[in-house]
Amino acid sequence: MKNKKTSKTGRFFPKDKKEVATLFNQMSYWPRVHFVRKSSNRKTGPIPVSTTASDSCPPACPLINAGCYAKGGPLAMHWRKLDKAEMERAPVMWRAFLFNVTALPDDELWRHDQAGDLPGFGNKIHARFMRELIKANKGKRGFTYTHKPVDNRNATHRLNAKLVSESNANGFTVNLSANNLRQADTLAAQKIGPVVSILPAEYGRENDKGEFTESLAEYRRRTKDLPRTTPEGRKLVVCPAQFLDNKTCANCKLCSHANRTCIVGFAAHGQSKRKASAIANGKASQ
């Protein structure tokens, strides 16, 4: 198996099966990532999107076993298929992913991880792979979200925080994901990146399988008294795609701004929205 494709970041693909085996043996973990040039996900819109295997999801995320939207619907089937990909294929998958990101036109918006988390097993962000991703994204407008812990509890968490800060400073936007608005304040105070938060389900416009069943006027009346700031007074903006018609990541772009000061809130949704809503309300273990 030979592949001569190169890019401005160097050769991505292993030249033969022997090199694949060597790469695999050198590392105990490789990210398994799938990339599509044009997403069919109605929430993202037709932008490039990636998905990472679920072994990247941190145990620190309370949604991992209860409330994760990606574990339901069509996305769940795609995610399970990726999880079944043989680990021996992971080095080639990762190199192909980096090649595809590098090949995107300058200034193109793309979303990393419609499911999954940053490269690294469990709670850890893998420094080498993260820096390879930051480099591949140079000149593009990649953005993503992470539930990986970034507090000062131990060396792993501190390295995570350093890598997130490094990423945001170098053009690849990593949004820190909070479980509720109080935690959103804590994350925002670290000043290493923009912050998003889970919100109770009532913040979202009522819908059935993605189709709004509540008028925008009804939605605004129903939610007018819900808090629009965090406990410490930071501005809260509900994800526009969750209440506006024809709004997607492609034409919103709010989460791609690394210097954003407002907290973007995502109302609990999907098949497990009750569990996610309980987490946002502080009524479930975190």
Protein backbone atom coordinates (compact mmCIF):
# COMPACT_ATOMS: atom_id res chain seq x y z
CA MET A 1 0.00 0.00 0.00
CA LYS A 2 1.62 3.22 -1.16
CA ASN A 3 0.32 6.71 -1.04
CA LYS A 4 2.38 9.66 -2.17
CA LYS A 5 -0.05 12.34 -0.98
CA THR A 6 1.65 15.12 0.88
CA SER A 7 0.70 18.52 2.17
CA LYS A 8 2.28 21.59 3.61
CA THR A 9 2.49 19.79 6.98
CA GLY A 10 4.41 16.84 5.48
CA ARG A 11 3.56 13.26 4.55
CA PHE A 12 0.44 12.00 6.35
CA PHE A 13 -0.11 8.45 5.16
CA PRO A 14 2.07 5.46 6.12
CA LYS A 15 3.88 4.20 3.02
CA ASP A 16 3.24 0.48 3.59
CA LYS A 17 1.82 -2.12 6.00
CA LYS A 18 5.11 -2.34 7.88
CA GLU A 19 4.97 1.37 8.69
CA VAL A 20 1.34 1.04 9.80
CA ALA A 21 2.39 -1.69 12.24
CA THR A 22 5.31 0.40 13.47
CA LEU A 23 3.11 3.43 14.09
CA PHE A 24 0.51 1.35 15.88
CA ASN A 25 3.09 -0.27 18.16
CA GLN A 26 4.69 3.06 19.01
CA MET A 27 1.53 4.36 20.64
CA SER A 28 -0.93 2.71 23.01
CA TYR A 29 -3.68 5.05 21.83
CA TRP A 30 -4.63 6.44 18.42
CA PRO A 31 -7.78 8.50 17.74
CA ARG A 32 -10.32 6.86 15.47
CA VAL A 33 -11.85 9.76 13.55
CA HIS A 34 -14.21 9.95 10.58
CA PHE A 35 -14.39 13.10 8.44
CA VAL A 36 -17.06 14.20 5.95
CA ARG A 37 -16.61 17.14 3.59
CA LYS A 38 -20.31 18.08 3.64
CA SER A 39 -22.45 17.14 6.62
CA SER A 40 -26.06 16.03 6.33
CA ASN A 41 -26.62 16.85 10.01
CA ARG A 42 -29.47 19.38 10.10
CA LYS A 43 -28.02 21.07 13.19
CA THR A 44 -24.60 21.77 11.71
CA GLY A 45 -25.69 22.51 8.16
CA PRO A 46 -23.59 21.55 5.11
CA ILE A 47 -20.14 22.14 6.57
CA PRO A 48 -17.22 19.73 7.04
CA VAL A 49 -17.73 17.67 10.20
CA SER A 50 -15.81 14.99 12.05
CA THR A 51 -16.78 12.28 14.53
CA THR A 52 -14.42 10.67 17.06
CA ALA A 53 -14.83 7.25 18.68
CA SER A 54 -16.43 7.25 22.12
CA ASP A 55 -13.24 6.13 23.91
CA SER A 56 -12.29 9.82 23.70
CA CYS A 57 -15.21 10.74 25.96
CA PRO A 58 -14.12 11.54 29.53
CA PRO A 59 -15.64 9.80 32.56
CA ALA A 60 -15.75 13.32 34.00
CA CYS A 61 -18.69 14.05 31.67
CA PRO A 62 -21.95 13.27 33.49
CA LEU A 63 -23.68 12.66 30.15
CA ILE A 64 -21.47 9.69 29.30
CA ASN A 65 -23.98 7.19 30.65
CA ALA A 66 -27.10 9.34 30.84
CA GLY A 67 -28.30 12.18 28.65
CA CYS A 68 -25.86 12.23 25.72
CA TYR A 69 -27.78 13.32 22.61
CA ALA A 70 -25.31 11.48 20.33
CA LYS A 71 -26.44 8.13 21.70
CA GLY A 72 -29.81 8.43 19.98
CA GLY A 73 -31.01 8.82 16.40
CA PRO A 74 -29.03 8.44 13.16
CA LEU A 75 -25.85 9.87 14.71
CA ALA A 76 -25.80 7.03 17.23
CA MET A 77 -25.64 4.42 14.46
CA HIS A 78 -22.71 6.20 12.82
CA TRP A 79 -20.93 6.55 16.18
CA ARG A 80 -21.36 2.86 17.04
CA LYS A 81 -19.93 1.90 13.64
CA LEU A 82 -16.89 4.08 14.29
CA ASP A 83 -16.41 2.46 17.70
CA LYS A 84 -16.23 -0.93 15.98
CA ALA A 85 -13.39 0.14 13.68
CA GLU A 86 -10.31 -1.96 14.36
CA MET A 87 -7.64 -0.17 16.37
CA GLU A 88 -5.04 -1.31 13.83
CA ARG A 89 -6.74 1.05 11.35
CA ALA A 90 -6.52 4.04 13.69
CA PRO A 91 -3.09 5.37 12.57
CA VAL A 92 -4.26 5.55 8.94
CA MET A 93 -7.62 7.04 9.97
CA TRP A 94 -5.88 9.76 11.99
CA ARG A 95 -3.44 10.62 9.21
CA ALA A 96 -6.25 10.74 6.66
CA PHE A 97 -8.21 13.04 8.97
CA LEU A 98 -5.29 15.44 9.32
CA PHE A 99 -4.78 15.43 5.56
CA ASN A 100 -8.45 16.29 4.97
CA VAL A 101 -8.37 19.14 7.48
CA THR A 102 -5.19 20.58 5.99
CA ALA A 103 -6.71 20.37 2.51
CA LEU A 104 -9.67 22.59 3.46
CA PRO A 105 -9.61 26.08 1.93
CA ASP A 106 -8.30 28.84 4.17
CA ASP A 107 -10.93 30.43 6.43
CA GLU A 108 -13.37 27.53 5.96
CA LEU A 109 -15.66 26.83 8.91
CA TRP A 110 -15.71 23.22 10.10
CA ARG A 111 -16.81 21.40 13.22
CA HIS A 112 -14.73 18.77 14.96
CA ASP A 113 -16.65 16.10 16.86
CA GLN A 114 -20.37 16.09 16.29
CA ALA A 115 -19.86 13.16 18.68
CA GLY A 116 -16.80 12.29 20.74
CA ASP A 117 -14.18 14.53 22.34
CA LEU A 118 -10.66 15.81 21.81
CA PRO A 119 -7.94 13.25 20.99
CA GLY A 120 -6.93 11.26 24.04
CA PHE A 121 -8.34 8.35 26.01
CA GLY A 122 -10.86 9.21 28.70
CA ASN A 123 -10.12 12.33 30.75
CA LYS A 124 -6.76 12.99 29.08
CA ILE A 125 -6.04 15.21 26.07
CA HIS A 126 -3.19 13.62 24.15
CA ALA A 127 -0.63 16.40 23.66
CA ARG A 128 0.96 15.11 20.46
CA PHE A 129 -2.31 14.46 18.66
CA MET A 130 -3.83 17.72 19.87
CA ARG A 131 -0.90 19.71 18.55
CA GLU A 132 -1.07 17.87 15.23
CA LEU A 133 -4.72 18.88 14.97
CA ILE A 134 -3.96 22.52 15.83
CA LYS A 135 -1.29 22.55 13.12
CA ALA A 136 -3.57 20.94 10.51
CA ASN A 137 -6.25 23.56 11.23
CA LYS A 138 -3.91 26.51 10.64
CA GLY A 139 -5.74 29.08 8.51
CA LYS A 140 -9.11 27.33 8.92
CA ARG A 141 -11.98 28.08 11.29
CA GLY A 142 -12.27 24.79 13.14
CA PHE A 143 -14.23 24.66 16.38
CA THR A 144 -15.24 21.99 18.86
CA TYR A 145 -16.31 21.32 22.45
CA THR A 146 -14.72 19.40 25.29
CA HIS A 147 -15.83 17.91 28.59
CA LYS A 148 -12.25 16.94 29.44
CA PRO A 149 -11.44 18.28 32.94
CA VAL A 150 -9.29 21.44 33.01
CA ASP A 151 -9.16 22.19 36.74
CA ASN A 152 -6.05 22.23 38.92
CA ARG A 153 -6.70 18.84 40.54
CA ASN A 154 -3.80 16.93 39.01
CA ALA A 155 -1.12 17.05 36.31
CA THR A 156 -3.40 15.58 33.63
CA HIS A 157 -6.06 18.22 34.19
CA ARG A 158 -3.47 21.01 34.21
CA LEU A 159 -2.00 19.77 30.92
CA ASN A 160 -5.52 19.66 29.47
CA ALA A 161 -5.99 23.31 30.42
CA LYS A 162 -2.66 24.24 28.84
CA LEU A 163 -3.54 22.48 25.58
CA VAL A 164 -6.99 24.08 25.40
CA SER A 165 -5.47 27.52 25.96
CA GLU A 166 -2.81 26.80 23.33
CA SER A 167 -5.45 25.69 20.86
CA ASN A 168 -7.62 28.77 21.30
CA ALA A 169 -4.57 31.01 20.95
CA ASN A 170 -3.65 29.34 17.65
CA GLY A 171 -6.92 29.43 15.74
CA PHE A 172 -8.62 26.15 16.67
CA THR A 173 -11.52 27.06 18.94
CA VAL A 174 -12.20 24.72 21.85
CA ASN A 175 -15.35 25.48 23.84
CA LEU A 176 -15.28 24.28 27.44
CA SER A 177 -18.47 22.38 28.24
CA ALA A 178 -20.13 23.06 31.59
CA ASN A 179 -22.81 20.93 33.23
CA ASN A 180 -24.73 23.94 34.53
CA LEU A 181 -24.48 27.71 34.69
CA ARG A 182 -22.64 27.73 38.01
CA GLN A 183 -19.90 25.56 36.56
CA ALA A 184 -19.91 27.77 33.47
CA ASP A 185 -18.84 30.67 35.69
CA THR A 186 -16.02 28.56 37.13
CA LEU A 187 -14.74 27.60 33.68
CA ALA A 188 -15.05 31.13 32.32
CA ALA A 189 -12.97 32.44 35.23
CA GLN A 190 -10.02 30.33 34.03
CA LYS A 191 -9.83 32.46 30.87
CA ILE A 192 -8.49 29.67 28.66
CA GLY A 193 -11.36 29.52 26.18
CA PRO A 194 -15.04 30.21 25.49
CA VAL A 195 -17.65 28.33 27.49
CA VAL A 196 -20.89 26.54 26.70
CA SER A 197 -23.35 24.95 29.12
CA ILE A 198 -26.14 22.43 29.29
CA LEU A 199 -29.48 24.12 29.99
CA PRO A 200 -32.76 22.70 31.25
CA ALA A 201 -35.00 21.47 28.44
CA GLU A 202 -37.46 24.34 28.83
CA TYR A 203 -34.94 26.72 27.22
CA GLY A 204 -35.46 24.98 23.89
CA ARG A 205 -38.30 25.58 21.45
CA GLU A 206 -40.71 22.66 21.45
CA ASN A 207 -40.22 20.32 18.52
CA ASP A 208 -40.97 16.87 17.22
CA LYS A 209 -38.03 15.04 15.61
CA GLY A 210 -36.34 18.34 14.81
CA GLU A 211 -39.42 20.12 13.44
CA PHE A 212 -40.62 23.02 15.56
CA THR A 213 -44.15 22.51 16.92
CA GLU A 214 -44.22 25.82 18.79
CA SER A 215 -44.32 29.20 17.10
CA LEU A 216 -41.45 31.59 17.74
CA ALA A 217 -43.86 34.01 19.42
CA GLU A 218 -45.15 31.28 21.73
CA TYR A 219 -41.60 30.25 22.54
CA ARG A 220 -40.57 33.81 23.41
CA ARG A 221 -43.61 34.26 25.67
CA ARG A 222 -43.00 30.95 27.44
CA THR A 223 -39.31 31.56 28.10
CA LYS A 224 -39.30 35.33 28.77
CA ASP A 225 -38.80 34.88 32.52
CA LEU A 226 -36.03 32.28 32.34
CA PRO A 227 -32.62 33.52 33.55
CA ARG A 228 -30.50 35.12 30.82
CA THR A 229 -27.36 35.48 32.91
CA THR A 230 -25.21 33.11 34.93
CA PRO A 231 -25.14 33.30 38.75
CA GLU A 232 -22.13 35.64 38.45
CA GLY A 233 -23.78 37.84 35.83
CA ARG A 234 -22.28 36.59 32.57
CA LYS A 235 -24.54 36.91 29.54
CA LEU A 236 -26.29 33.71 28.47
CA VAL A 237 -27.20 33.13 24.82
CA VAL A 238 -29.32 30.10 23.94
CA CYS A 239 -28.00 28.29 20.86
CA PRO A 240 -29.87 30.07 18.01
CA ALA A 241 -30.42 26.77 16.17
CA GLN A 242 -32.58 25.60 19.06
CA PHE A 243 -35.23 28.25 18.54
CA LEU A 244 -34.75 30.04 15.20
CA ASP A 245 -35.87 28.67 11.87
CA ASN A 246 -33.16 27.83 9.33
CA LYS A 247 -30.32 28.52 11.78
CA THR A 248 -27.36 26.10 11.79
CA CYS A 249 -23.67 26.08 12.72
CA ALA A 250 -23.00 27.00 9.09
CA ASN A 251 -24.74 30.37 9.30
CA CYS A 252 -24.47 31.07 13.03
CA LYS A 253 -20.74 30.59 13.74
CA LEU A 254 -21.08 31.83 17.33
CA CYS A 255 -19.24 28.83 18.79
CA SER A 256 -16.29 29.37 16.45
CA HIS A 257 -15.30 32.63 18.16
CA ALA A 258 -12.53 31.93 20.66
CA ASN A 259 -12.70 35.40 22.22
CA ARG A 260 -16.44 35.22 22.89
CA THR A 261 -17.39 36.33 26.41
CA CYS A 262 -21.03 35.21 26.51
CA ILE A 263 -21.97 31.69 27.60
CA VAL A 264 -23.72 29.70 24.89
CA GLY A 265 -26.39 27.43 26.33
CA PHE A 266 -27.68 24.20 24.81
CA ALA A 267 -31.10 23.16 26.02
CA ALA A 268 -31.25 19.46 26.85
CA HIS A 269 -32.55 17.60 23.81
CA GLY A 270 -32.65 14.20 22.21
CA GLN A 271 -33.95 10.89 23.52
CA SER A 272 -32.36 11.40 26.95
CA LYS A 273 -33.22 15.06 27.42
CA ARG A 274 -34.87 14.44 30.81
CA LYS A 275 -31.63 13.08 32.22
CA ALA A 276 -29.60 15.89 30.69
CA SER A 277 -32.09 18.44 32.00
CA ALA A 278 -31.74 17.02 35.50
CA ILE A 279 -27.97 17.47 35.26
CA ALA A 280 -28.42 21.09 34.15
CA ASN A 281 -30.70 21.65 37.15
CA GLY A 282 -28.16 20.11 39.52
CA LYS A 283 -30.49 17.20 40.34
CA ALA A 284 -28.21 14.45 39.09
CA SER A 285 -24.71 13.36 40.01
CA GLN A 286 -21.90 15.21 38.29
